[in-house]
PDB file of all heavy atoms in Angstrom:
ATOM      1  N   ALA A   1       0.827  -1.217   0.000  1.00  0.00           N
ATOM      2  CA  ALA A   1       0.000   0.000   0.000  1.00  0.00           C
ATOM      3  C   ALA A   1       0.859   1.263   0.000  1.00  0.00           C
ATOM      4  O   ALA A   1       0.564   2.233  -0.708  1.00  0.00           O
ATOM      5  CB  ALA A   1      -0.935  -0.007   1.207  1.00  0.00           C
ATOM      6  N   GLU A   2       1.935   1.244   0.782  1.00  0.00           N
ATOM      7  CA  GLU A   2       2.822   2.416   0.853  1.00  0.00           C
ATOM      8  C   GLU A   2       3.622   2.572  -0.438  1.00  0.00           C
ATOM      9  O   GLU A   2       3.818   3.683  -0.937  1.00  0.00           O
ATOM     10  CB  GLU A   2       3.774   2.260   2.054  1.00  0.00           C
ATOM     11  CG  GLU A   2       4.354   3.578   2.523  1.00  0.00           C
ATOM     12  CD  GLU A   2       5.306   3.433   3.709  1.00  0.00           C
ATOM     13  OE1 GLU A   2       5.177   2.448   4.478  1.00  0.00           O
ATOM     14  OE2 GLU A   2       6.174   4.298   3.855  1.00  0.00           O
ATOM     15  N   ALA A   3       4.053   1.443  -0.994  1.00  0.00           N
ATOM     16  CA  ALA A   3       4.793   1.471  -2.263  1.00  0.00           C
ATOM     17  C   ALA A   3       3.915   2.040  -3.378  1.00  0.00           C
ATOM     18  O   ALA A   3       4.391   2.785  -4.243  1.00  0.00           O
ATOM     19  CB  ALA A   3       5.263   0.063  -2.618  1.00  0.00           C
ATOM     20  N   LEU A   4       2.637   1.717  -3.334  1.00  0.00           N
ATOM     21  CA  LEU A   4       1.675   2.218  -4.327  1.00  0.00           C
ATOM     22  C   LEU A   4       1.514   3.732  -4.186  1.00  0.00           C
ATOM     23  O   LEU A   4       1.484   4.468  -5.168  1.00  0.00           O
ATOM     24  CB  LEU A   4       0.331   1.510  -4.123  1.00  0.00           C
ATOM     25  CG  LEU A   4      -0.801   1.865  -5.095  1.00  0.00           C
ATOM     26  CD1 LEU A   4      -0.464   1.411  -6.512  1.00  0.00           C
ATOM     27  CD2 LEU A   4      -2.105   1.229  -4.649  1.00  0.00           C
ATOM     28  N   LYS A   5       1.444   4.186  -2.934  1.00  0.00           N
ATOM     29  CA  LYS A   5       1.231   5.611  -2.644  1.00  0.00           C
ATOM     30  C   LYS A   5       2.375   6.477  -3.179  1.00  0.00           C
ATOM     31  O   LYS A   5       2.144   7.568  -3.695  1.00  0.00           O
ATOM     32  CB  LYS A   5       1.106   5.791  -1.125  1.00  0.00           C
ATOM     33  CG  LYS A   5       0.253   6.981  -0.746  1.00  0.00           C
ATOM     34  CD  LYS A   5      -0.236   6.879   0.698  1.00  0.00           C
ATOM     35  CE  LYS A   5       0.696   7.640   1.635  1.00  0.00           C
ATOM     36  NZ  LYS A   5       0.310   7.478   3.050  1.00  0.00           N
ATOM     37  N   VAL A   6       3.620   5.978  -3.076  1.00  0.00           N
ATOM     38  CA  VAL A   6       4.760   6.788  -3.526  1.00  0.00           C
ATOM     39  C   VAL A   6       5.115   6.553  -4.998  1.00  0.00           C
ATOM     40  O   VAL A   6       6.046   7.153  -5.521  1.00  0.00           O
ATOM     41  CB  VAL A   6       6.024   6.563  -2.651  1.00  0.00           C
ATOM     42  CG1 VAL A   6       5.773   7.015  -1.225  1.00  0.00           C
ATOM     43  CG2 VAL A   6       6.503   5.124  -2.697  1.00  0.00           C
ATOM     44  N   GLY A   7       4.375   5.638  -5.672  1.00  0.00           N
ATOM     45  CA  GLY A   7       4.639   5.401  -7.091  1.00  0.00           C
ATOM     46  C   GLY A   7       5.728   4.382  -7.372  1.00  0.00           C
ATOM     47  O   GLY A   7       6.186   4.252  -8.502  1.00  0.00           O
ATOM     48  N   LEU A   8       6.148   3.663  -6.331  1.00  0.00           N
ATOM     49  CA  LEU A   8       7.158   2.621  -6.531  1.00  0.00           C
ATOM     50  C   LEU A   8       6.536   1.442  -7.284  1.00  0.00           C
ATOM     51  O   LEU A   8       7.191   0.779  -8.072  1.00  0.00           O
ATOM     52  CB  LEU A   8       7.704   2.178  -5.167  1.00  0.00           C
ATOM     53  CG  LEU A   8       8.763   1.072  -5.132  1.00  0.00           C
ATOM     54  CD1 LEU A   8       9.926   1.379  -6.066  1.00  0.00           C
ATOM     55  CD2 LEU A   8       9.273   0.863  -3.711  1.00  0.00           C
ATOM     56  N   ILE A   9       5.246   1.194  -7.017  1.00  0.00           N
ATOM     57  CA  ILE A   9       4.500   0.214  -7.809  1.00  0.00           C
ATOM     58  C   ILE A   9       3.241   0.904  -8.338  1.00  0.00           C
ATOM     59  O   ILE A   9       2.880   1.983  -7.871  1.00  0.00           O
ATOM     60  CB  ILE A   9       4.139  -1.058  -6.996  1.00  0.00           C
ATOM     61  CG1 ILE A   9       3.353  -0.691  -5.734  1.00  0.00           C
ATOM     62  CG2 ILE A   9       5.383  -1.857  -6.649  1.00  0.00           C
ATOM     63  CD1 ILE A   9       2.816  -1.885  -4.990  1.00  0.00           C
ATOM     64  N   ASP A  10       2.598   0.268  -9.321  1.00  0.00           N
ATOM     65  CA  ASP A  10       1.471   0.897 -10.017  1.00  0.00           C
ATOM     66  C   ASP A  10       0.115   0.297  -9.679  1.00  0.00           C
ATOM     67  O   ASP A  10      -0.908   0.941  -9.859  1.00  0.00           O
ATOM     68  CB  ASP A  10       1.692   0.808 -11.528  1.00  0.00           C
ATOM     69  CG  ASP A  10       3.021   1.428 -11.932  1.00  0.00           C
ATOM     70  OD1 ASP A  10       3.137   2.652 -11.824  1.00  0.00           O
ATOM     71  OD2 ASP A  10       3.950   0.684 -12.314  1.00  0.00           O
ATOM     72  N   GLU A  11       0.120  -0.956  -9.242  1.00  0.00           N
ATOM     73  CA  GLU A  11      -1.142  -1.626  -8.909  1.00  0.00           C
ATOM     74  C   GLU A  11      -0.872  -2.631  -7.802  1.00  0.00           C
ATOM     75  O   GLU A  11       0.214  -3.199  -7.741  1.00  0.00           O
ATOM     76  CB  GLU A  11      -1.674  -2.446 -10.099  1.00  0.00           C
ATOM     77  CG  GLU A  11      -2.155  -1.677 -11.292  1.00  0.00           C
ATOM     78  CD  GLU A  11      -2.601  -2.635 -12.405  1.00  0.00           C
ATOM     79  OE1 GLU A  11      -3.602  -3.370 -12.204  1.00  0.00           O
ATOM     80  OE2 GLU A  11      -1.938  -2.673 -13.453  1.00  0.00           O
ATOM     81  N   VAL A  12      -1.885  -2.859  -6.969  1.00  0.00           N
ATOM     82  CA  VAL A  12      -1.834  -3.944  -5.986  1.00  0.00           C
ATOM     83  C   VAL A  12      -3.054  -4.826  -6.246  1.00  0.00           C
ATOM     84  O   VAL A  12      -4.180  -4.329  -6.278  1.00  0.00           O
ATOM     85  CB  VAL A  12      -1.865  -3.413  -4.532  1.00  0.00           C
ATOM     86  CG1 VAL A  12      -1.854  -4.572  -3.543  1.00  0.00           C
ATOM     87  CG2 VAL A  12      -0.677  -2.492  -4.259  1.00  0.00           C
ATOM     88  N   VAL A  13      -2.815  -6.105  -6.484  1.00  0.00           N
ATOM     89  CA  VAL A  13      -3.925  -7.041  -6.715  1.00  0.00           C
ATOM     90  C   VAL A  13      -3.666  -8.308  -5.906  1.00  0.00           C
ATOM     91  O   VAL A  13      -2.545  -8.521  -5.432  1.00  0.00           O
ATOM     92  CB  VAL A  13      -4.075  -7.417  -8.221  1.00  0.00           C
ATOM     93  CG1 VAL A  13      -4.329  -6.183  -9.080  1.00  0.00           C
ATOM     94  CG2 VAL A  13      -2.857  -8.172  -8.737  1.00  0.00           C
ATOM     95  N   SER A  14      -4.681  -9.150  -5.774  1.00  0.00           N
ATOM     96  CA  SER A  14      -4.457 -10.413  -5.063  1.00  0.00           C
ATOM     97  C   SER A  14      -3.541 -11.298  -5.908  1.00  0.00           C
ATOM     98  O   SER A  14      -3.501 -11.161  -7.142  1.00  0.00           O
ATOM     99  CB  SER A  14      -5.783 -11.115  -4.793  1.00  0.00           C
ATOM    100  OG  SER A  14      -6.411 -11.405  -6.015  1.00  0.00           O
ATOM    101  N   PHE A  15      -2.816 -12.180  -5.255  1.00  0.00           N
ATOM    102  CA  PHE A  15      -1.845 -13.026  -5.954  1.00  0.00           C
ATOM    103  C   PHE A  15      -2.480 -13.770  -7.131  1.00  0.00           C
ATOM    104  O   PHE A  15      -1.893 -13.851  -8.210  1.00  0.00           O
ATOM    105  CB  PHE A  15      -1.207 -14.033  -4.980  1.00  0.00           C
ATOM    106  CG  PHE A  15      -0.324 -15.034  -5.676  1.00  0.00           C
ATOM    107  CD1 PHE A  15       0.937 -14.676  -6.133  1.00  0.00           C
ATOM    108  CD2 PHE A  15      -0.771 -16.333  -5.907  1.00  0.00           C
ATOM    109  CE1 PHE A  15       1.748 -15.596  -6.800  1.00  0.00           C
ATOM    110  CE2 PHE A  15       0.036 -17.258  -6.578  1.00  0.00           C
ATOM    111  CZ  PHE A  15       1.302 -16.885  -7.021  1.00  0.00           C
ATOM    112  N   ASP A  16      -3.682 -14.264  -6.961  1.00  0.00           N
ATOM    113  CA  ASP A  16      -4.288 -15.071  -8.032  1.00  0.00           C
ATOM    114  C   ASP A  16      -4.763 -14.226  -9.220  1.00  0.00           C
ATOM    115  O   ASP A  16      -5.130 -14.765 -10.257  1.00  0.00           O
ATOM    116  CB  ASP A  16      -5.435 -15.963  -7.495  1.00  0.00           C
ATOM    117  CG  ASP A  16      -6.473 -15.178  -6.715  1.00  0.00           C
ATOM    118  OD1 ASP A  16      -6.449 -13.929  -6.788  1.00  0.00           O
ATOM    119  OD2 ASP A  16      -7.311 -15.803  -6.037  1.00  0.00           O
ATOM    120  N   ARG A  17      -4.718 -12.895  -9.077  1.00  0.00           N
ATOM    121  CA  ARG A  17      -5.112 -12.028 -10.200  1.00  0.00           C
ATOM    122  C   ARG A  17      -3.937 -11.348 -10.876  1.00  0.00           C
ATOM    123  O   ARG A  17      -4.101 -10.606 -11.850  1.00  0.00           O
ATOM    124  CB  ARG A  17      -6.096 -10.962  -9.700  1.00  0.00           C
ATOM    125  CG  ARG A  17      -7.511 -11.509  -9.458  1.00  0.00           C
ATOM    126  CD  ARG A  17      -8.492 -10.415  -9.085  1.00  0.00           C
ATOM    127  NE  ARG A  17      -8.349  -9.233  -9.936  1.00  0.00           N
ATOM    128  CZ  ARG A  17      -8.209  -7.994  -9.471  1.00  0.00           C
ATOM    129  NH1 ARG A  17      -8.196  -7.765  -8.168  1.00  0.00           N
ATOM    130  NH2 ARG A  17      -8.095  -6.981 -10.297  1.00  0.00           N
ATOM    131  N   ILE A  18      -2.734 -11.618 -10.375  1.00  0.00           N
ATOM    132  CA  ILE A  18      -1.573 -10.848 -10.836  1.00  0.00           C
ATOM    133  C   ILE A  18      -1.216 -11.132 -12.302  1.00  0.00           C
ATOM    134  O   ILE A  18      -0.897 -10.237 -13.060  1.00  0.00           O
ATOM    135  CB  ILE A  18      -0.368 -11.042  -9.865  1.00  0.00           C
ATOM    136  CG1 ILE A  18       0.628  -9.882  -9.992  1.00  0.00           C
ATOM    137  CG2 ILE A  18       0.321 -12.370 -10.065  1.00  0.00           C
ATOM    138  CD1 ILE A  18       1.595  -9.780  -8.810  1.00  0.00           C
ATOM    139  N   GLN A  19      -1.341 -12.405 -12.708  1.00  0.00           N
ATOM    140  CA  GLN A  19      -1.048 -12.779 -14.103  1.00  0.00           C
ATOM    141  C   GLN A  19      -2.003 -12.074 -15.066  1.00  0.00           C
ATOM    142  O   GLN A  19      -1.580 -11.541 -16.090  1.00  0.00           O
ATOM    143  CB  GLN A  19      -1.223 -14.293 -14.259  1.00  0.00           C
ATOM    144  CG  GLN A  19      -0.157 -15.102 -13.578  1.00  0.00           C
ATOM    145  CD  GLN A  19       0.862 -15.601 -14.588  1.00  0.00           C
ATOM    146  OE1 GLN A  19       0.657 -15.532 -15.780  1.00  0.00           O
ATOM    147  NE2 GLN A  19       1.980 -16.086 -14.101  1.00  0.00           N
ATOM    148  N   THR A  20      -3.294 -12.103 -14.723  1.00  0.00           N
ATOM    149  CA  THR A  20      -4.319 -11.472 -15.564  1.00  0.00           C
ATOM    150  C   THR A  20      -4.067  -9.982 -15.681  1.00  0.00           C
ATOM    151  O   THR A  20      -4.125  -9.403 -16.766  1.00  0.00           O
ATOM    152  CB  THR A  20      -5.724 -11.691 -14.938  1.00  0.00           C
ATOM    153  OG1 THR A  20      -5.803 -13.043 -14.497  1.00  0.00           O
ATOM    154  CG2 THR A  20      -6.834 -11.406 -15.916  1.00  0.00           C
ATOM    155  N   ALA A  21      -3.769  -9.349 -14.538  1.00  0.00           N
ATOM    156  CA  ALA A  21      -3.529  -7.899 -14.518  1.00  0.00           C
ATOM    157  C   ALA A  21      -2.295  -7.544 -15.354  1.00  0.00           C
ATOM    158  O   ALA A  21      -2.296  -6.555 -16.096  1.00  0.00           O
ATOM    159  CB  ALA A  21      -3.360  -7.422 -13.085  1.00  0.00           C
ATOM    160  N   ALA A  22      -1.255  -8.373 -15.257  1.00  0.00           N
ATOM    161  CA  ALA A  22      -0.019  -8.125 -16.023  1.00  0.00           C
ATOM    162  C   ALA A  22      -0.284  -8.277 -17.519  1.00  0.00           C
ATOM    163  O   ALA A  22       0.176  -7.461 -18.330  1.00  0.00           O
ATOM    164  CB  ALA A  22       1.076  -9.082 -15.570  1.00  0.00           C
ATOM    165  N   GLY A  23      -1.022  -9.313 -17.881  1.00  0.00           N
ATOM    166  CA  GLY A  23      -1.370  -9.537 -19.287  1.00  0.00           C
ATOM    167  C   GLY A  23      -2.190  -8.383 -19.847  1.00  0.00           C
ATOM    168  O   GLY A  23      -1.970  -7.926 -20.973  1.00  0.00           O
ATOM    169  N   ARG A  24      -3.123  -7.898 -19.032  1.00  0.00           N
ATOM    170  CA  ARG A  24      -3.990  -6.790 -19.468  1.00  0.00           C
ATOM    171  C   ARG A  24      -3.160  -5.535 -19.737  1.00  0.00           C
ATOM    172  O   ARG A  24      -3.357  -4.842 -20.734  1.00  0.00           O
ATOM    173  CB  ARG A  24      -5.032  -6.514 -18.378  1.00  0.00           C
ATOM    174  CG  ARG A  24      -6.107  -5.510 -18.809  1.00  0.00           C
ATOM    175  CD  ARG A  24      -7.082  -5.162 -17.682  1.00  0.00           C
ATOM    176  NE  ARG A  24      -7.677  -6.347 -17.098  1.00  0.00           N
ATOM    177  CZ  ARG A  24      -7.708  -6.608 -15.782  1.00  0.00           C
ATOM    178  NH1 ARG A  24      -7.160  -5.763 -14.924  1.00  0.00           N
ATOM    179  NH2 ARG A  24      -8.287  -7.695 -15.322  1.00  0.00           N
ATOM    180  N   LYS A  25      -2.230  -5.244 -18.839  1.00  0.00           N
ATOM    181  CA  LYS A  25      -1.397  -4.040 -19.013  1.00  0.00           C
ATOM    182  C   LYS A  25      -0.507  -4.179 -20.245  1.00  0.00           C
ATOM    183  O   LYS A  25      -0.354  -3.231 -21.027  1.00  0.00           O
ATOM    184  CB  LYS A  25      -0.541  -3.814 -17.765  1.00  0.00           C
ATOM    185  CG  LYS A  25       0.144  -2.459 -17.756  1.00  0.00           C
ATOM    186  CD  LYS A  25      -0.876  -1.336 -17.631  1.00  0.00           C
ATOM    187  CE  LYS A  25      -0.271   0.024 -17.932  1.00  0.00           C
ATOM    188  NZ  LYS A  25      -1.238   1.107 -17.723  1.00  0.00           N
ATOM    189  N   ALA A  26       0.072  -5.362 -20.423  1.00  0.00           N
ATOM    190  CA  ALA A  26       0.931  -5.602 -21.599  1.00  0.00           C
ATOM    191  C   ALA A  26       0.132  -5.358 -22.878  1.00  0.00           C
ATOM    192  O   ALA A  26       0.598  -4.689 -23.808  1.00  0.00           O
ATOM    193  CB  ALA A  26       1.479  -7.020 -21.563  1.00  0.00           C
ATOM    194  N   LYS A  27      -1.100  -5.873 -22.908  1.00  0.00           N
ATOM    195  CA  LYS A  27      -1.942  -5.722 -24.110  1.00  0.00           C
ATOM    196  C   LYS A  27      -2.316  -4.264 -24.358  1.00  0.00           C
ATOM    197  O   LYS A  27      -2.441  -3.839 -25.507  1.00  0.00           O
ATOM    198  CB  LYS A  27      -3.209  -6.583 -23.985  1.00  0.00           C
ATOM    199  CG  LYS A  27      -2.909  -8.053 -24.235  1.00  0.00           C
ATOM    200  CD  LYS A  27      -4.121  -8.934 -24.005  1.00  0.00           C
ATOM    201  CE  LYS A  27      -3.729 -10.394 -24.204  1.00  0.00           C
ATOM    202  NZ  LYS A  27      -4.692 -11.318 -23.593  1.00  0.00           N
ATOM    203  N   GLN A  28      -2.486  -3.521 -23.281  1.00  0.00           N
ATOM    204  CA  GLN A  28      -2.776  -2.089 -23.447  1.00  0.00           C
ATOM    205  C   GLN A  28      -1.622  -1.408 -24.189  1.00  0.00           C
ATOM    206  O   GLN A  28      -1.840  -0.660 -25.137  1.00  0.00           O
ATOM    207  CB  GLN A  28      -2.985  -1.424 -22.086  1.00  0.00           C
ATOM    208  CG  GLN A  28      -3.370   0.060 -22.211  1.00  0.00           C
ATOM    209  CD  GLN A  28      -3.202   0.813 -20.902  1.00  0.00           C
ATOM    210  OE1 GLN A  28      -3.270   0.235 -19.815  1.00  0.00           O
ATOM    211  NE2 GLN A  28      -2.971   2.111 -20.987  1.00  0.00           N
ATOM    212  N   TYR A  29      -0.390  -1.701 -23.758  1.00  0.00           N
ATOM    213  CA  TYR A  29       0.787  -1.123 -24.426  1.00  0.00           C
ATOM    214  C   TYR A  29       0.934  -1.653 -25.855  1.00  0.00           C
ATOM    215  O   TYR A  29       1.354  -0.929 -26.754  1.00  0.00           O
ATOM    216  CB  TYR A  29       2.063  -1.454 -23.639  1.00  0.00           C
ATOM    217  CG  TYR A  29       2.261  -0.681 -22.351  1.00  0.00           C
ATOM    218  CD1 TYR A  29       2.882  -1.294 -21.263  1.00  0.00           C
ATOM    219  CD2 TYR A  29       1.863   0.638 -22.224  1.00  0.00           C
ATOM    220  CE1 TYR A  29       3.097  -0.596 -20.073  1.00  0.00           C
ATOM    221  CE2 TYR A  29       2.077   1.345 -21.039  1.00  0.00           C
ATOM    222  CZ  TYR A  29       2.695   0.717 -19.966  1.00  0.00           C
ATOM    223  OH  TYR A  29       2.906   1.404 -18.799  1.00  0.00           O
ATOM    224  N   MET A  30       0.606  -2.928 -26.050  1.00  0.00           N
ATOM    225  CA  MET A  30       0.809  -3.578 -27.356  1.00  0.00           C
ATOM    226  C   MET A  30      -0.115  -3.018 -28.441  1.00  0.00           C
ATOM    227  O   MET A  30       0.149  -3.170 -29.618  1.00  0.00           O
ATOM    228  CB  MET A  30       0.580  -5.092 -27.225  1.00  0.00           C
ATOM    229  CG  MET A  30       1.752  -5.829 -26.591  1.00  0.00           C
ATOM    230  SD  MET A  30       1.263  -7.414 -25.831  1.00  0.00           S
ATOM    231  CE  MET A  30       0.625  -8.349 -27.218  1.00  0.00           C
ATOM    232  N   GLN A  31      -1.215  -2.377 -28.021  1.00  0.00           N
ATOM    233  CA  GLN A  31      -2.163  -1.888 -29.033  1.00  0.00           C
ATOM    234  C   GLN A  31      -1.670  -0.604 -29.714  1.00  0.00           C
ATOM    235  O   GLN A  31      -2.184  -0.208 -30.744  1.00  0.00           O
ATOM    236  CB  GLN A  31      -3.535  -1.652 -28.391  1.00  0.00           C
ATOM    237  CG  GLN A  31      -3.545  -0.446 -27.470  1.00  0.00           C
ATOM    238  CD  GLN A  31      -4.879  -0.262 -26.755  1.00  0.00           C
ATOM    239  OE1 GLN A  31      -5.885  -0.786 -27.192  1.00  0.00           O
ATOM    240  NE2 GLN A  31      -4.872   0.487 -25.663  1.00  0.00           N
TER     241      GLN A  31
END
């Protein structure tokens, strides 16, 4: 939560959603 607040990370999700979230972000850039 603190890392997110300072911009060290961009998203916090549950472990089981991390792959989906990463794939989604990659596809956003890929378009």
